[in-house]
Amino acid sequence: MAEFVTVAKTGEIPAGEGRVVEAGGRQIALFNVDGEFHALDNTCLHRGGPLGEGELAGKVVTCPWHGWTYDVSTGEVTFNPTVRVEKLQVRVEGDSVQVAI
């Protein structure tokens, strides 16, 4: 069974932005899409770029290294939905954003 760990406060990540957070010894890309939080493995499948440092447009993040794009709500690569990074379960408790590890 997954354990939820607090990784941020809701006010720390403005809508339309993402951050790299740590939980359970791993780096996670956490995004705020109009008040809804999404968490992905932080490692781009192309060359390992940090997805949490990428630019978010709507629900699509662009890896800052080589431009691969991912749907943060599913983890899917936008140009090939059969390929995806791990999506983690997120919940908000009060003002705490928690991720299942």
C-alpha atoms as a PDB file:
ATOM      1  CA  MET A   1       0.000   0.000   0.000  1.00  0.00           C
ATOM      2  CA  ALA A   2       1.288   3.456  -0.929  1.00  0.00           C
ATOM      3  CA  GLU A   3       2.259   5.955   1.720  1.00  0.00           C
ATOM      4  CA  PHE A   4       1.445   9.628   1.150  1.00  0.00           C
ATOM      5  CA  VAL A   5       4.239  12.094   1.897  1.00  0.00           C
ATOM      6  CA  THR A   6       3.901  15.883   2.050  1.00  0.00           C
ATOM      7  CA  VAL A   7       6.141  17.434  -0.620  1.00  0.00           C
ATOM      8  CA  ALA A   8       4.929  21.056  -0.799  1.00  0.00           C
ATOM      9  CA  LYS A   9       2.355  23.581   0.341  1.00  0.00           C
ATOM     10  CA  THR A  10      -0.310  24.550  -2.178  1.00  0.00           C
ATOM     11  CA  GLY A  11       0.844  28.192  -2.203  1.00  0.00           C
ATOM     12  CA  GLU A  12       4.447  27.275  -3.045  1.00  0.00           C
ATOM     13  CA  ILE A  13       3.664  26.280  -6.631  1.00  0.00           C
ATOM     14  CA  PRO A  14       1.615  28.859  -8.542  1.00  0.00           C
ATOM     15  CA  ALA A  15      -0.853  27.739 -11.206  1.00  0.00           C
ATOM     16  CA  GLY A  16       0.929  27.114 -14.493  1.00  0.00           C
ATOM     17  CA  GLU A  17       4.238  26.171 -12.884  1.00  0.00           C
ATOM     18  CA  GLY A  18       6.152  23.108 -11.789  1.00  0.00           C
ATOM     19  CA  ARG A  19       8.876  22.276  -9.283  1.00  0.00           C
ATOM     20  CA  VAL A  20      11.232  19.441  -8.496  1.00  0.00           C
ATOM     21  CA  VAL A  21      10.469  17.951  -5.080  1.00  0.00           C
ATOM     22  CA  GLU A  22      11.873  14.976  -3.213  1.00  0.00           C
ATOM     23  CA  ALA A  23      10.003  12.109  -1.621  1.00  0.00           C
ATOM     24  CA  GLY A  24      11.148   8.669  -0.607  1.00  0.00           C
ATOM     25  CA  GLY A  25      14.653   9.340  -1.880  1.00  0.00           C
ATOM     26  CA  ARG A  26      13.557  10.162  -5.416  1.00  0.00           C
ATOM     27  CA  GLN A  27      13.050  13.323  -7.420  1.00  0.00           C
ATOM     28  CA  ILE A  28       9.507  14.079  -8.514  1.00  0.00           C
ATOM     29  CA  ALA A  29       8.207  16.720 -10.920  1.00  0.00           C
ATOM     30  CA  LEU A  30       5.191  18.406  -9.312  1.00  0.00           C
ATOM     31  CA  PHE A  31       2.906  20.626 -11.422  1.00  0.00           C
ATOM     32  CA  ASN A  32      -0.023  22.935 -10.686  1.00  0.00           C
ATOM     33  CA  VAL A  33      -2.512  22.994 -13.557  1.00  0.00           C
ATOM     34  CA  ASP A  34      -5.177  25.547 -12.604  1.00  0.00           C
ATOM     35  CA  GLY A  35      -5.190  24.399  -8.974  1.00  0.00           C
ATOM     36  CA  GLU A  36      -4.995  20.680  -9.752  1.00  0.00           C
ATOM     37  CA  PHE A  37      -1.679  19.072  -8.830  1.00  0.00           C
ATOM     38  CA  HIS A  38       0.051  16.361 -10.868  1.00  0.00           C
ATOM     39  CA  ALA A  39       3.237  14.428 -10.105  1.00  0.00           C
ATOM     40  CA  LEU A  40       5.527  12.606 -12.517  1.00  0.00           C
ATOM     41  CA  ASP A  41       8.884  10.931 -12.313  1.00  0.00           C
ATOM     42  CA  ASN A  42      11.284  13.848 -12.851  1.00  0.00           C
ATOM     43  CA  THR A  43      13.407  12.097 -15.492  1.00  0.00           C
ATOM     44  CA  CYS A  44      12.734  12.673 -19.200  1.00  0.00           C
ATOM     45  CA  LEU A  45      12.848   9.422 -21.164  1.00  0.00           C
ATOM     46  CA  HIS A  46      14.953  10.958 -23.942  1.00  0.00           C
ATOM     47  CA  ARG A  47      18.159  11.950 -22.141  1.00  0.00           C
ATOM     48  CA  GLY A  48      17.228  12.214 -18.468  1.00  0.00           C
ATOM     49  CA  GLY A  49      16.373  15.917 -18.372  1.00  0.00           C
ATOM     50  CA  PRO A  50      14.600  17.355 -15.293  1.00  0.00           C
ATOM     51  CA  LEU A  51      10.906  17.608 -16.213  1.00  0.00           C
ATOM     52  CA  GLY A  52      10.115  19.675 -13.109  1.00  0.00           C
ATOM     53  CA  GLU A  53      12.326  22.441 -14.505  1.00  0.00           C
ATOM     54  CA  GLY A  54      10.484  22.479 -17.841  1.00  0.00           C
ATOM     55  CA  GLU A  55       7.989  25.032 -19.095  1.00  0.00           C
ATOM     56  CA  LEU A  56       4.341  24.183 -18.457  1.00  0.00           C
ATOM     57  CA  ALA A  57       1.709  25.230 -21.021  1.00  0.00           C
ATOM     58  CA  GLY A  58      -1.742  24.058 -20.033  1.00  0.00           C
ATOM     59  CA  LYS A  59      -1.170  20.452 -19.045  1.00  0.00           C
ATOM     60  CA  VAL A  60       1.903  19.916 -21.254  1.00  0.00           C
ATOM     61  CA  VAL A  61       5.446  20.235 -19.920  1.00  0.00           C
ATOM     62  CA  THR A  62       8.426  20.634 -22.225  1.00  0.00           C
ATOM     63  CA  CYS A  63      11.699  19.074 -21.105  1.00  0.00           C
ATOM     64  CA  PRO A  64      14.270  21.879 -20.811  1.00  0.00           C
ATOM     65  CA  TRP A  65      17.059  19.799 -22.356  1.00  0.00           C
ATOM     66  CA  HIS A  66      15.784  18.644 -25.747  1.00  0.00           C
ATOM     67  CA  GLY A  67      12.144  19.638 -26.012  1.00  0.00           C
ATOM     68  CA  TRP A  68      10.293  16.371 -25.471  1.00  0.00           C
ATOM     69  CA  THR A  69       6.739  17.111 -24.335  1.00  0.00           C
ATOM     70  CA  TYR A  70       4.629  15.256 -21.770  1.00  0.00           C
ATOM     71  CA  ASP A  71       1.012  15.417 -20.664  1.00  0.00           C
ATOM     72  CA  VAL A  72       1.359  15.941 -16.908  1.00  0.00           C
ATOM     73  CA  SER A  73      -2.100  14.460 -16.266  1.00  0.00           C
ATOM     74  CA  THR A  74      -1.087  11.068 -17.728  1.00  0.00           C
ATOM     75  CA  GLY A  75       2.711  11.046 -18.036  1.00  0.00           C
ATOM     76  CA  GLU A  76       2.374  10.289 -21.765  1.00  0.00           C
ATOM     77  CA  VAL A  77       4.807  11.632 -24.341  1.00  0.00           C
ATOM     78  CA  THR A  78       2.570  13.874 -26.461  1.00  0.00           C
ATOM     79  CA  PHE A  79       3.874  12.612 -29.799  1.00  0.00           C
ATOM     80  CA  ASN A  80       3.715   8.927 -28.801  1.00  0.00           C
ATOM     81  CA  PRO A  81       1.111   8.124 -26.113  1.00  0.00           C
ATOM     82  CA  THR A  82       2.330   4.522 -25.850  1.00  0.00           C
ATOM     83  CA  VAL A  83       5.447   5.878 -24.101  1.00  0.00           C
ATOM     84  CA  ARG A  84       5.148   7.497 -20.688  1.00  0.00           C
ATOM     85  CA  VAL A  85       6.934   8.422 -17.488  1.00  0.00           C
ATOM     86  CA  GLU A  86       5.552   7.198 -14.197  1.00  0.00           C
ATOM     87  CA  LYS A  87       2.618   9.238 -12.884  1.00  0.00           C
ATOM     88  CA  LEU A  88       2.252   9.338  -9.118  1.00  0.00           C
ATOM     89  CA  GLN A  89      -0.943   9.702  -7.146  1.00  0.00           C
ATOM     90  CA  VAL A  90      -1.421  13.161  -5.592  1.00  0.00           C
ATOM     91  CA  ARG A  91      -3.790  14.432  -2.933  1.00  0.00           C
ATOM     92  CA  VAL A  92      -4.243  17.747  -1.170  1.00  0.00           C
ATOM     93  CA  GLU A  93      -4.869  17.706   2.569  1.00  0.00           C
ATOM     94  CA  GLY A  94      -5.558  21.219   3.852  1.00  0.00           C
ATOM     95  CA  ASP A  95      -2.720  23.238   2.310  1.00  0.00           C
ATOM     96  CA  SER A  96      -0.356  20.244   1.990  1.00  0.00           C
ATOM     97  CA  VAL A  97       0.317  18.597  -1.369  1.00  0.00           C
ATOM     98  CA  GLN A  98       1.026  14.911  -0.815  1.00  0.00           C
ATOM     99  CA  VAL A  99       2.417  12.309  -3.207  1.00  0.00           C
ATOM    100  CA  ALA A 100       2.093   8.528  -2.898  1.00  0.00           C
ATOM    101  CA  ILE A 101       5.427   6.730  -2.754  1.00  0.00           C
END
